[in-house]
Amino acid sequence: RRTRRVRISNPLKPVILPSRSTDLIFVATRYPRDMSEPFAQQLSRDLAAAVAKTSPSLVFTRGRRGRAASGTIIDPQSIVVSDHLLDADQKIRVHTSNGDLDARVVGRDAGTDIALLQVDGGSLSPVTVSSDPTAIGQVVIAVGRSWSGLVAHPGFITQISGPHHVWPGFRLEHAVHTTLEPFSGFSGGALVNTLGQV
């Protein structure tokens, strides 16, 4: 079997193409956007930028029994948090990147462990939602707020499964499995791609 080295114009890099008569198998990977930097450095910059972009859209709150919990802003007045961390009280204090606000619970779903908070007259910064489908092998970052501030863990999506019957009467249509290590305060936080999109 013969091989030929072929240079393909940017943004693709040179690749080795196995050749059998006139049949070619084309495999190519993209360069980092900044051609002068190694791939690892560019990826590091992208991850840091994604976390910085997500940061204004995350809040911190004290959940049940005073435990740290995160929340994700989905519109200028609405925040999604984990239902299991809420006390019975329908009012809750949230700490945003621009100060503290009072919020109230306007919806809860124990089956999906999601609760919705609303801030009256707020002008919050919502997350950006990706239009691309979630894919196995995708690089993702878990971003939340803890007692000590912003926390981020990178990882990969390893599996997409479902539906699951989480407990009697409740069904979870899809579950995303990752290599991420859970950390205190992440519940209610955001899982974002390298562009900072949920």
C-alpha atoms as a PDB file:
ATOM      1  CA  ARG A   1       0.000   0.000   0.000  1.00  0.00           C
ATOM      2  CA  ARG A   2       1.314   3.422  -0.979  1.00  0.00           C
ATOM      3  CA  THR A   3       0.925   6.648   0.983  1.00  0.00           C
ATOM      4  CA  ARG A   4       1.064  10.181  -0.255  1.00  0.00           C
ATOM      5  CA  ARG A   5       1.547  13.359   1.751  1.00  0.00           C
ATOM      6  CA  VAL A   6      -0.880  16.044   0.684  1.00  0.00           C
ATOM      7  CA  ARG A   7      -1.103  19.640   1.848  1.00  0.00           C
ATOM      8  CA  ILE A   8      -4.629  21.003   2.074  1.00  0.00           C
ATOM      9  CA  SER A   9      -5.216  24.746   2.286  1.00  0.00           C
ATOM     10  CA  ASN A  10      -6.145  26.375   5.619  1.00  0.00           C
ATOM     11  CA  PRO A  11      -7.941  25.804   7.917  1.00  0.00           C
ATOM     12  CA  LEU A  12      -6.961  22.164   7.390  1.00  0.00           C
ATOM     13  CA  LYS A  13      -3.498  20.823   8.144  1.00  0.00           C
ATOM     14  CA  PRO A  14      -1.334  18.355   6.179  1.00  0.00           C
ATOM     15  CA  VAL A  15      -2.491  14.748   6.539  1.00  0.00           C
ATOM     16  CA  ILE A  16      -1.318  11.298   5.446  1.00  0.00           C
ATOM     17  CA  LEU A  17      -3.748   9.796   2.971  1.00  0.00           C
ATOM     18  CA  PRO A  18      -3.701   6.017   2.357  1.00  0.00           C
ATOM     19  CA  SER A  19      -4.007   5.382  -1.367  1.00  0.00           C
ATOM     20  CA  ARG A  20      -5.011   2.309  -3.322  1.00  0.00           C
ATOM     21  CA  SER A  21      -4.987   3.012  -7.062  1.00  0.00           C
ATOM     22  CA  THR A  22      -7.135   6.152  -7.386  1.00  0.00           C
ATOM     23  CA  ASP A  23      -9.177   5.668  -4.181  1.00  0.00           C
ATOM     24  CA  LEU A  24      -8.366   8.097  -1.376  1.00  0.00           C
ATOM     25  CA  ILE A  25      -9.591   8.202   2.207  1.00  0.00           C
ATOM     26  CA  PHE A  26      -9.597  11.806   3.357  1.00  0.00           C
ATOM     27  CA  VAL A  27      -9.138  12.499   7.083  1.00  0.00           C
ATOM     28  CA  ALA A  28      -8.372  16.012   8.303  1.00  0.00           C
ATOM     29  CA  THR A  29      -8.323  17.925  11.556  1.00  0.00           C
ATOM     30  CA  ARG A  30      -8.517  21.684  12.065  1.00  0.00           C
ATOM     31  CA  TYR A  31      -5.701  23.904  13.161  1.00  0.00           C
ATOM     32  CA  PRO A  32      -6.172  26.152  16.190  1.00  0.00           C
ATOM     33  CA  ARG A  33      -7.572  29.499  15.088  1.00  0.00           C
ATOM     34  CA  ASP A  34      -4.280  31.155  16.032  1.00  0.00           C
ATOM     35  CA  MET A  35      -1.760  29.325  13.844  1.00  0.00           C
ATOM     36  CA  SER A  36       1.180  30.576  15.938  1.00  0.00           C
ATOM     37  CA  GLU A  37       0.064  28.819  19.141  1.00  0.00           C
ATOM     38  CA  PRO A  38       0.087  25.128  20.044  1.00  0.00           C
ATOM     39  CA  PHE A  39      -3.312  23.467  20.120  1.00  0.00           C
ATOM     40  CA  ALA A  40      -3.282  22.949  23.924  1.00  0.00           C
ATOM     41  CA  GLN A  41      -2.702  26.653  24.555  1.00  0.00           C
ATOM     42  CA  GLN A  42      -5.510  27.656  22.214  1.00  0.00           C
ATOM     43  CA  LEU A  43      -7.864  25.134  23.814  1.00  0.00           C
ATOM     44  CA  SER A  44      -6.962  26.500  27.245  1.00  0.00           C
ATOM     45  CA  ARG A  45      -7.823  30.012  26.091  1.00  0.00           C
ATOM     46  CA  ASP A  46     -11.135  28.806  24.637  1.00  0.00           C
ATOM     47  CA  LEU A  47     -12.115  27.049  27.878  1.00  0.00           C
ATOM     48  CA  ALA A  48     -11.235  30.092  29.982  1.00  0.00           C
ATOM     49  CA  ALA A  49     -13.214  32.344  27.634  1.00  0.00           C
ATOM     50  CA  ALA A  50     -16.226  30.013  27.827  1.00  0.00           C
ATOM     51  CA  VAL A  51     -16.183  30.132  31.634  1.00  0.00           C
ATOM     52  CA  ALA A  52     -15.840  33.935  31.629  1.00  0.00           C
ATOM     53  CA  LYS A  53     -18.773  34.241  29.215  1.00  0.00           C
ATOM     54  CA  THR A  54     -20.978  32.009  31.409  1.00  0.00           C
ATOM     55  CA  SER A  55     -20.041  33.638  34.726  1.00  0.00           C
ATOM     56  CA  PRO A  56     -22.535  36.582  34.635  1.00  0.00           C
ATOM     57  CA  SER A  57     -25.370  34.105  34.008  1.00  0.00           C
ATOM     58  CA  LEU A  58     -24.774  32.106  37.206  1.00  0.00           C
ATOM     59  CA  VAL A  59     -26.017  32.824  40.714  1.00  0.00           C
ATOM     60  CA  PHE A  60     -25.215  31.430  44.153  1.00  0.00           C
ATOM     61  CA  THR A  61     -27.763  30.654  46.826  1.00  0.00           C
ATOM     62  CA  ARG A  62     -28.076  28.786  50.094  1.00  0.00           C
ATOM     63  CA  GLY A  63     -30.220  25.729  49.629  1.00  0.00           C
ATOM     64  CA  ARG A  64     -31.812  23.356  52.115  1.00  0.00           C
ATOM     65  CA  ARG A  65     -29.931  23.192  55.425  1.00  0.00           C
ATOM     66  CA  GLY A  66     -27.678  26.006  54.235  1.00  0.00           C
ATOM     67  CA  ARG A  67     -25.981  23.969  51.530  1.00  0.00           C
ATOM     68  CA  ALA A  68     -24.309  25.792  48.649  1.00  0.00           C
ATOM     69  CA  ALA A  69     -26.260  25.757  45.397  1.00  0.00           C
ATOM     70  CA  SER A  70     -25.969  27.363  41.972  1.00  0.00           C
ATOM     71  CA  GLY A  71     -28.598  28.749  39.636  1.00  0.00           C
ATOM     72  CA  THR A  72     -28.626  29.442  35.901  1.00  0.00           C
ATOM     73  CA  ILE A  73     -30.239  32.602  34.513  1.00  0.00           C
ATOM     74  CA  ILE A  74     -32.433  31.791  31.497  1.00  0.00           C
ATOM     75  CA  ASP A  75     -34.023  35.199  30.899  1.00  0.00           C
ATOM     76  CA  PRO A  76     -33.752  38.687  32.481  1.00  0.00           C
ATOM     77  CA  GLN A  77     -36.113  37.725  35.321  1.00  0.00           C
ATOM     78  CA  SER A  78     -35.887  33.910  35.585  1.00  0.00           C
ATOM     79  CA  ILE A  79     -33.419  31.523  37.211  1.00  0.00           C
ATOM     80  CA  VAL A  80     -33.366  27.711  37.077  1.00  0.00           C
ATOM     81  CA  VAL A  81     -32.214  25.893  40.230  1.00  0.00           C
ATOM     82  CA  SER A  82     -32.299  22.315  41.542  1.00  0.00           C
ATOM     83  CA  ASP A  83     -35.600  21.492  43.200  1.00  0.00           C
ATOM     84  CA  HIS A  84     -34.112  19.142  45.807  1.00  0.00           C
ATOM     85  CA  LEU A  85     -32.115  21.972  47.359  1.00  0.00           C
ATOM     86  CA  LEU A  86     -35.069  24.259  48.017  1.00  0.00           C
ATOM     87  CA  ASP A  87     -36.701  24.664  51.396  1.00  0.00           C
ATOM     88  CA  ALA A  88     -40.466  24.875  51.716  1.00  0.00           C
ATOM     89  CA  ASP A  89     -40.196  28.664  51.890  1.00  0.00           C
ATOM     90  CA  GLN A  90     -41.231  30.226  48.584  1.00  0.00           C
ATOM     91  CA  LYS A  91     -38.747  33.104  48.912  1.00  0.00           C
ATOM     92  CA  ILE A  92     -35.038  32.780  48.369  1.00  0.00           C
ATOM     93  CA  ARG A  93     -32.007  35.084  48.298  1.00  0.00           C
ATOM     94  CA  VAL A  94     -29.717  34.842  45.274  1.00  0.00           C
ATOM     95  CA  HIS A  95     -26.239  36.289  44.875  1.00  0.00           C
ATOM     96  CA  THR A  96     -25.445  37.453  41.339  1.00  0.00           C
ATOM     97  CA  SER A  97     -22.245  38.846  39.861  1.00  0.00           C
ATOM     98  CA  ASN A  98     -23.810  42.329  40.299  1.00  0.00           C
ATOM     99  CA  GLY A  99     -25.192  41.997  43.818  1.00  0.00           C
ATOM    100  CA  ASP A 100     -27.868  40.242  45.879  1.00  0.00           C
ATOM    101  CA  LEU A 101     -31.527  39.917  44.905  1.00  0.00           C
ATOM    102  CA  ASP A 102     -34.710  38.481  46.402  1.00  0.00           C
ATOM    103  CA  ALA A 103     -36.428  35.821  44.308  1.00  0.00           C
ATOM    104  CA  ARG A 104     -39.534  33.707  44.708  1.00  0.00           C
ATOM    105  CA  VAL A 105     -40.320  30.183  43.563  1.00  0.00           C
ATOM    106  CA  VAL A 106     -42.869  30.182  40.714  1.00  0.00           C
ATOM    107  CA  GLY A 107     -42.596  26.557  39.584  1.00  0.00           C
ATOM    108  CA  ARG A 108     -41.250  23.203  40.738  1.00  0.00           C
ATOM    109  CA  ASP A 109     -40.888  19.765  39.125  1.00  0.00           C
ATOM    110  CA  ALA A 110     -39.528  17.079  41.436  1.00  0.00           C
ATOM    111  CA  GLY A 111     -39.475  14.556  38.569  1.00  0.00           C
ATOM    112  CA  THR A 112     -36.769  16.436  36.670  1.00  0.00           C
ATOM    113  CA  ASP A 113     -35.358  18.110  39.817  1.00  0.00           C
ATOM    114  CA  ILE A 114     -35.904  21.591  38.376  1.00  0.00           C
ATOM    115  CA  ALA A 115     -37.381  24.678  40.011  1.00  0.00           C
ATOM    116  CA  LEU A 116     -37.930  28.127  38.543  1.00  0.00           C
ATOM    117  CA  LEU A 117     -37.239  31.341  40.440  1.00  0.00           C
ATOM    118  CA  GLN A 118     -38.409  34.789  39.416  1.00  0.00           C
ATOM    119  CA  VAL A 119     -36.875  38.170  40.226  1.00  0.00           C
ATOM    120  CA  ASP A 120     -39.263  41.105  39.886  1.00  0.00           C
ATOM    121  CA  GLY A 121     -37.915  44.058  37.973  1.00  0.00           C
ATOM    122  CA  GLY A 122     -34.615  42.295  37.427  1.00  0.00           C
ATOM    123  CA  SER A 123     -32.230  42.830  34.551  1.00  0.00           C
ATOM    124  CA  LEU A 124     -30.258  39.600  34.657  1.00  0.00           C
ATOM    125  CA  SER A 125     -27.855  38.296  32.001  1.00  0.00           C
ATOM    126  CA  PRO A 126     -29.223  35.015  30.569  1.00  0.00           C
ATOM    127  CA  VAL A 127     -27.079  32.177  29.251  1.00  0.00           C
ATOM    128  CA  THR A 128     -26.662  31.612  25.528  1.00  0.00           C
ATOM    129  CA  VAL A 129     -28.291  28.385  24.328  1.00  0.00           C
ATOM    130  CA  SER A 130     -26.557  26.359  21.615  1.00  0.00           C
ATOM    131  CA  SER A 131     -28.518  25.398  18.511  1.00  0.00           C
ATOM    132  CA  ASP A 132     -26.250  22.391  17.899  1.00  0.00           C
ATOM    133  CA  PRO A 133     -27.266  18.916  19.097  1.00  0.00           C
ATOM    134  CA  THR A 134     -25.443  17.398  22.072  1.00  0.00           C
ATOM    135  CA  ALA A 135     -22.923  14.781  20.902  1.00  0.00           C
ATOM    136  CA  ILE A 136     -20.917  11.988  22.480  1.00  0.00           C
ATOM    137  CA  GLY A 137     -17.249  12.999  22.686  1.00  0.00           C
ATOM    138  CA  GLN A 138     -18.072  16.703  22.948  1.00  0.00           C
ATOM    139  CA  VAL A 139     -15.911  18.786  25.299  1.00  0.00           C
ATOM    140  CA  VAL A 140     -18.063  20.387  28.005  1.00  0.00           C
ATOM    141  CA  ILE A 141     -17.516  22.453  31.146  1.00  0.00           C
ATOM    142  CA  ALA A 142     -19.541  22.299  34.352  1.00  0.00           C
ATOM    143  CA  VAL A 143     -19.705  25.854  35.700  1.00  0.00           C
ATOM    144  CA  GLY A 144     -21.257  26.851  39.013  1.00  0.00           C
ATOM    145  CA  ARG A 145     -20.846  29.074  42.038  1.00  0.00           C
ATOM    146  CA  SER A 146     -19.784  27.821  45.452  1.00  0.00           C
ATOM    147  CA  TRP A 147     -19.049  29.451  48.792  1.00  0.00           C
ATOM    148  CA  SER A 148     -15.628  30.445  47.482  1.00  0.00           C
ATOM    149  CA  GLY A 149     -16.804  31.807  44.138  1.00  0.00           C
ATOM    150  CA  LEU A 150     -16.850  30.589  40.538  1.00  0.00           C
ATOM    151  CA  VAL A 151     -15.921  26.921  39.964  1.00  0.00           C
ATOM    152  CA  ALA A 152     -15.410  25.144  36.624  1.00  0.00           C
ATOM    153  CA  HIS A 153     -14.595  21.526  35.708  1.00  0.00           C
ATOM    154  CA  PRO A 154     -13.948  20.422  32.082  1.00  0.00           C
ATOM    155  CA  GLY A 155     -14.742  16.970  30.714  1.00  0.00           C
ATOM    156  CA  PHE A 156     -16.338  14.986  27.894  1.00  0.00           C
ATOM    157  CA  ILE A 157     -19.801  13.659  27.113  1.00  0.00           C
ATOM    158  CA  THR A 158     -19.517   9.875  27.249  1.00  0.00           C
ATOM    159  CA  GLN A 159     -23.107   8.735  26.717  1.00  0.00           C
ATOM    160  CA  ILE A 160     -26.623   9.970  26.010  1.00  0.00           C
ATOM    161  CA  SER A 161     -29.281   7.622  27.332  1.00  0.00           C
ATOM    162  CA  GLY A 162     -32.957   7.427  28.185  1.00  0.00           C
ATOM    163  CA  PRO A 163     -35.766   7.352  28.875  1.00  0.00           C
ATOM    164  CA  HIS A 164     -35.329   6.600  32.588  1.00  0.00           C
ATOM    165  CA  HIS A 165     -37.944   6.084  35.278  1.00  0.00           C
ATOM    166  CA  VAL A 166     -36.229   8.007  38.065  1.00  0.00           C
ATOM    167  CA  TRP A 167     -38.856   7.116  40.655  1.00  0.00           C
ATOM    168  CA  PRO A 168     -42.533   6.069  40.594  1.00  0.00           C
ATOM    169  CA  GLY A 169     -44.583   8.442  38.487  1.00  0.00           C
ATOM    170  CA  PHE A 170     -41.625  10.351  37.014  1.00  0.00           C
ATOM    171  CA  ARG A 171     -39.831   9.786  33.714  1.00  0.00           C
ATOM    172  CA  LEU A 172     -36.615  11.417  32.462  1.00  0.00           C
ATOM    173  CA  GLU A 173     -36.509  11.400  28.663  1.00  0.00           C
ATOM    174  CA  HIS A 174     -32.769  11.938  28.226  1.00  0.00           C
ATOM    175  CA  ALA A 175     -29.699  11.726  30.448  1.00  0.00           C
ATOM    176  CA  VAL A 176     -26.270  13.097  29.526  1.00  0.00           C
ATOM    177  CA  HIS A 177     -23.342  11.172  31.041  1.00  0.00           C
ATOM    178  CA  THR A 178     -19.959  12.893  31.387  1.00  0.00           C
ATOM    179  CA  THR A 179     -16.475  12.418  32.847  1.00  0.00           C
ATOM    180  CA  LEU A 180     -17.027  15.472  35.080  1.00  0.00           C
ATOM    181  CA  GLU A 181     -16.345  15.292  38.794  1.00  0.00           C
ATOM    182  CA  PRO A 182     -19.218  16.760  40.831  1.00  0.00           C
ATOM    183  CA  PHE A 183     -18.301  19.573  43.196  1.00  0.00           C
ATOM    184  CA  SER A 184     -20.044  21.246  46.098  1.00  0.00           C
ATOM    185  CA  GLY A 185     -22.375  23.959  44.854  1.00  0.00           C
ATOM    186  CA  PHE A 186     -22.734  22.778  41.246  1.00  0.00           C
ATOM    187  CA  SER A 187     -26.386  21.666  41.518  1.00  0.00           C
ATOM    188  CA  GLY A 188     -28.313  24.171  39.403  1.00  0.00           C
ATOM    189  CA  GLY A 189     -25.210  25.242  37.486  1.00  0.00           C
ATOM    190  CA  ALA A 190     -24.659  25.154  33.735  1.00  0.00           C
ATOM    191  CA  LEU A 191     -23.105  22.562  31.430  1.00  0.00           C
ATOM    192  CA  VAL A 192     -21.621  24.547  28.542  1.00  0.00           C
ATOM    193  CA  ASN A 193     -19.625  23.907  25.387  1.00  0.00           C
ATOM    194  CA  THR A 194     -16.311  25.539  24.490  1.00  0.00           C
ATOM    195  CA  LEU A 195     -18.211  28.583  23.190  1.00  0.00           C
ATOM    196  CA  GLY A 196     -19.879  29.155  26.555  1.00  0.00           C
ATOM    197  CA  GLN A 197     -23.273  27.956  25.316  1.00  0.00           C
ATOM    198  CA  VAL A 198     -25.641  25.735  27.299  1.00  0.00           C
END
